[in-house]
């Protein structure tokens, strides 16, 4: 399963977000109502799913789903 699909699974299950709304261009706060506290929870889930070391400090630059995917891919 690729990172986008894993992220869709997490967001749909944890935040009851319709998977079709979770696109690479979707803005976390404006489109999906994901705030910074939620983003930290998502990061922890992605760490568990991918086994990658994802720094919480990197979240400061994350604004879209695509940014999250790029963060995980770069780790």
N, C-alpha and C. Protein backbone atom coordinates (compact mmCIF):
# COMPACT_ATOMS: atom_id res chain seq x y z
N UNK A 1 0.86 -1.18 0.00
CA UNK A 1 0.00 0.00 0.00
C UNK A 1 0.91 1.24 0.00
N UNK A 2 0.62 2.18 -0.90
CA UNK A 2 1.46 3.38 -0.96
C UNK A 2 1.09 4.36 0.16
N UNK A 3 1.90 5.39 0.30
CA UNK A 3 1.73 6.34 1.41
C UNK A 3 0.37 7.03 1.34
N UNK A 4 -0.05 7.45 0.16
CA UNK A 4 -1.35 8.12 0.04
C UNK A 4 -2.48 7.20 0.50
N UNK A 5 -2.43 5.95 0.11
CA UNK A 5 -3.47 5.00 0.51
C UNK A 5 -3.43 4.76 2.03
N UNK A 6 -2.24 4.69 2.60
CA UNK A 6 -2.13 4.53 4.05
C UNK A 6 -2.70 5.75 4.76
N UNK A 7 -2.39 6.93 4.24
CA UNK A 7 -2.90 8.16 4.83
C UNK A 7 -4.42 8.23 4.72
N UNK A 8 -4.96 7.83 3.58
CA UNK A 8 -6.42 7.78 3.42
C UNK A 8 -7.05 6.87 4.46
N UNK A 9 -6.44 5.72 4.66
CA UNK A 9 -6.96 4.76 5.63
C UNK A 9 -6.97 5.36 7.04
N UNK A 10 -5.86 6.00 7.41
CA UNK A 10 -5.76 6.61 8.74
C UNK A 10 -6.79 7.72 8.91
N UNK A 11 -6.85 8.63 7.93
CA UNK A 11 -7.77 9.77 8.05
C UNK A 11 -9.23 9.34 8.04
N UNK A 12 -9.54 8.36 7.22
CA UNK A 12 -10.93 7.89 7.15
C UNK A 12 -11.33 7.22 8.48
N UNK A 13 -10.44 6.41 9.02
CA UNK A 13 -10.76 5.69 10.25
C UNK A 13 -10.74 6.58 11.48
N UNK A 14 -9.72 7.42 11.60
CA UNK A 14 -9.53 8.20 12.82
C UNK A 14 -10.36 9.49 12.86
N UNK A 15 -10.60 10.07 11.69
CA UNK A 15 -11.24 11.38 11.65
C UNK A 15 -12.55 11.38 10.86
N UNK A 16 -12.99 10.20 10.44
CA UNK A 16 -14.25 10.05 9.73
C UNK A 16 -14.32 10.98 8.51
N UNK A 17 -13.23 10.99 7.74
CA UNK A 17 -13.16 11.80 6.52
C UNK A 17 -13.41 10.89 5.33
N UNK A 18 -14.25 11.33 4.44
CA UNK A 18 -14.55 10.59 3.21
C UNK A 18 -13.26 10.41 2.41
N UNK A 19 -12.87 9.17 2.10
CA UNK A 19 -11.61 8.94 1.38
C UNK A 19 -11.48 9.72 0.06
N UNK A 20 -12.58 9.95 -0.63
CA UNK A 20 -12.52 10.68 -1.90
C UNK A 20 -12.07 12.13 -1.71
N UNK A 21 -12.22 12.67 -0.51
CA UNK A 21 -11.80 14.05 -0.24
C UNK A 21 -10.29 14.14 0.03
N UNK A 22 -9.68 13.00 0.27
CA UNK A 22 -8.25 12.98 0.63
C UNK A 22 -7.43 12.84 -0.64
N UNK A 23 -7.12 13.99 -1.23
CA UNK A 23 -6.33 14.05 -2.45
C UNK A 23 -4.99 14.70 -2.13
N UNK A 24 -4.06 14.62 -3.04
CA UNK A 24 -2.74 15.21 -2.84
C UNK A 24 -2.83 16.72 -2.62
N UNK A 25 -3.81 17.38 -3.22
CA UNK A 25 -3.96 18.83 -3.11
C UNK A 25 -4.80 19.28 -1.92
N UNK A 26 -5.42 18.33 -1.22
CA UNK A 26 -6.30 18.70 -0.10
C UNK A 26 -5.49 19.35 1.01
N UNK A 27 -5.95 20.52 1.44
CA UNK A 27 -5.30 21.25 2.53
C UNK A 27 -5.78 20.64 3.84
N UNK A 28 -4.83 20.31 4.71
CA UNK A 28 -5.18 19.61 5.95
C UNK A 28 -6.17 20.39 6.80
N UNK A 29 -5.91 21.66 7.03
CA UNK A 29 -6.79 22.45 7.90
C UNK A 29 -8.04 22.92 7.17
N UNK A 30 -7.86 23.55 6.03
CA UNK A 30 -9.00 24.15 5.33
C UNK A 30 -9.97 23.13 4.74
N UNK A 31 -9.43 22.06 4.15
CA UNK A 31 -10.29 21.09 3.46
C UNK A 31 -10.70 19.91 4.34
N UNK A 32 -9.80 19.50 5.24
CA UNK A 32 -10.05 18.28 6.01
C UNK A 32 -10.23 18.52 7.49
N UNK A 33 -10.10 19.76 7.92
CA UNK A 33 -10.28 20.14 9.33
C UNK A 33 -9.32 19.39 10.26
N UNK A 34 -8.08 19.20 9.80
CA UNK A 34 -7.04 18.55 10.59
C UNK A 34 -6.16 19.66 11.16
N UNK A 35 -6.11 19.78 12.49
CA UNK A 35 -5.28 20.82 13.10
C UNK A 35 -3.92 20.24 13.48
N UNK A 36 -3.09 21.07 14.10
CA UNK A 36 -1.71 20.65 14.40
C UNK A 36 -1.66 19.49 15.40
N UNK A 37 -2.56 19.46 16.34
CA UNK A 37 -2.60 18.34 17.30
C UNK A 37 -2.98 17.05 16.58
N UNK A 38 -3.97 17.13 15.70
CA UNK A 38 -4.36 15.96 14.91
C UNK A 38 -3.20 15.50 14.02
N UNK A 39 -2.45 16.45 13.47
CA UNK A 39 -1.33 16.12 12.59
C UNK A 39 -0.27 15.32 13.32
N UNK A 40 -0.04 15.63 14.59
CA UNK A 40 0.93 14.87 15.39
C UNK A 40 0.45 13.43 15.57
N UNK A 41 -0.85 13.26 15.79
CA UNK A 41 -1.41 11.91 15.91
C UNK A 41 -1.26 11.14 14.59
N UNK A 42 -1.50 11.82 13.49
CA UNK A 42 -1.37 11.20 12.17
C UNK A 42 0.09 10.77 11.95
N UNK A 43 1.00 11.65 12.32
CA UNK A 43 2.42 11.34 12.17
C UNK A 43 2.79 10.09 12.96
N UNK A 44 2.29 9.98 14.16
CA UNK A 44 2.57 8.80 14.99
C UNK A 44 2.02 7.54 14.33
N UNK A 45 0.82 7.62 13.78
CA UNK A 45 0.23 6.47 13.09
C UNK A 45 1.05 6.07 11.87
N UNK A 46 1.51 7.09 11.12
CA UNK A 46 2.32 6.81 9.93
C UNK A 46 3.67 6.21 10.31
N UNK A 47 4.23 6.63 11.44
CA UNK A 47 5.47 6.01 11.93
C UNK A 47 5.24 4.52 12.16
N UNK A 48 4.12 4.21 12.81
CA UNK A 48 3.80 2.80 13.10
C UNK A 48 3.60 2.01 11.81
N UNK A 49 2.90 2.59 10.85
CA UNK A 49 2.59 1.89 9.61
C UNK A 49 3.80 1.71 8.71
N UNK A 50 4.66 2.72 8.65
CA UNK A 50 5.77 2.68 7.70
C UNK A 50 7.08 2.26 8.32
N UNK A 51 7.19 2.38 9.64
CA UNK A 51 8.45 2.08 10.30
C UNK A 51 9.51 3.15 10.09
N UNK A 52 9.12 4.28 9.51
CA UNK A 52 10.07 5.36 9.25
C UNK A 52 10.12 6.33 10.42
N UNK A 53 11.30 6.91 10.63
CA UNK A 53 11.48 7.89 11.68
C UNK A 53 11.05 9.26 11.15
N UNK A 54 9.90 9.72 11.56
CA UNK A 54 9.34 10.99 11.09
C UNK A 54 9.41 12.01 12.21
N UNK A 55 10.14 13.08 11.97
CA UNK A 55 10.34 14.11 12.99
C UNK A 55 9.12 15.02 13.09
N UNK A 56 8.67 15.24 14.31
CA UNK A 56 7.52 16.12 14.53
C UNK A 56 7.81 17.55 14.08
N UNK A 57 9.08 17.96 14.14
CA UNK A 57 9.45 19.32 13.71
C UNK A 57 9.14 19.55 12.24
N UNK A 58 9.19 18.49 11.46
CA UNK A 58 8.93 18.60 10.02
C UNK A 58 7.48 18.98 9.73
N UNK A 59 6.60 18.79 10.70
CA UNK A 59 5.19 19.13 10.51
C UNK A 59 4.96 20.63 10.33
N UNK A 60 5.91 21.44 10.76
CA UNK A 60 5.75 22.89 10.64
C UNK A 60 5.59 23.32 9.19
N UNK A 61 6.16 22.55 8.27
CA UNK A 61 6.12 22.88 6.84
C UNK A 61 4.97 22.20 6.11
N UNK A 62 4.28 21.32 6.77
CA UNK A 62 3.23 20.52 6.12
C UNK A 62 1.91 21.28 6.08
N UNK A 63 1.34 21.39 4.88
CA UNK A 63 0.06 22.06 4.72
C UNK A 63 -0.98 21.20 3.99
N UNK A 64 -0.52 20.34 3.10
CA UNK A 64 -1.42 19.53 2.28
C UNK A 64 -1.15 18.05 2.48
N UNK A 65 -2.06 17.24 1.98
CA UNK A 65 -1.86 15.80 1.99
C UNK A 65 -0.59 15.46 1.21
N UNK A 66 -0.37 16.14 0.11
CA UNK A 66 0.84 15.91 -0.69
C UNK A 66 2.10 16.20 0.11
N UNK A 67 2.06 17.22 0.96
CA UNK A 67 3.20 17.52 1.84
C UNK A 67 3.48 16.37 2.79
N UNK A 68 2.43 15.77 3.33
CA UNK A 68 2.59 14.63 4.24
C UNK A 68 3.20 13.46 3.49
N UNK A 69 2.71 13.19 2.30
CA UNK A 69 3.25 12.10 1.48
C UNK A 69 4.73 12.34 1.19
N UNK A 70 5.09 13.57 0.82
CA UNK A 70 6.48 13.89 0.52
C UNK A 70 7.35 13.74 1.77
N UNK A 71 6.84 14.12 2.93
CA UNK A 71 7.57 13.98 4.19
C UNK A 71 7.88 12.52 4.46
N UNK A 72 6.90 11.67 4.29
CA UNK A 72 7.10 10.23 4.54
C UNK A 72 8.06 9.65 3.50
N UNK A 73 7.89 10.03 2.24
CA UNK A 73 8.78 9.52 1.19
C UNK A 73 10.23 9.93 1.42
N UNK A 74 10.45 11.12 1.96
CA UNK A 74 11.80 11.64 2.17
C UNK A 74 12.47 11.01 3.39
N UNK A 75 11.69 10.42 4.28
CA UNK A 75 12.25 9.86 5.53
C UNK A 75 12.99 8.57 5.26
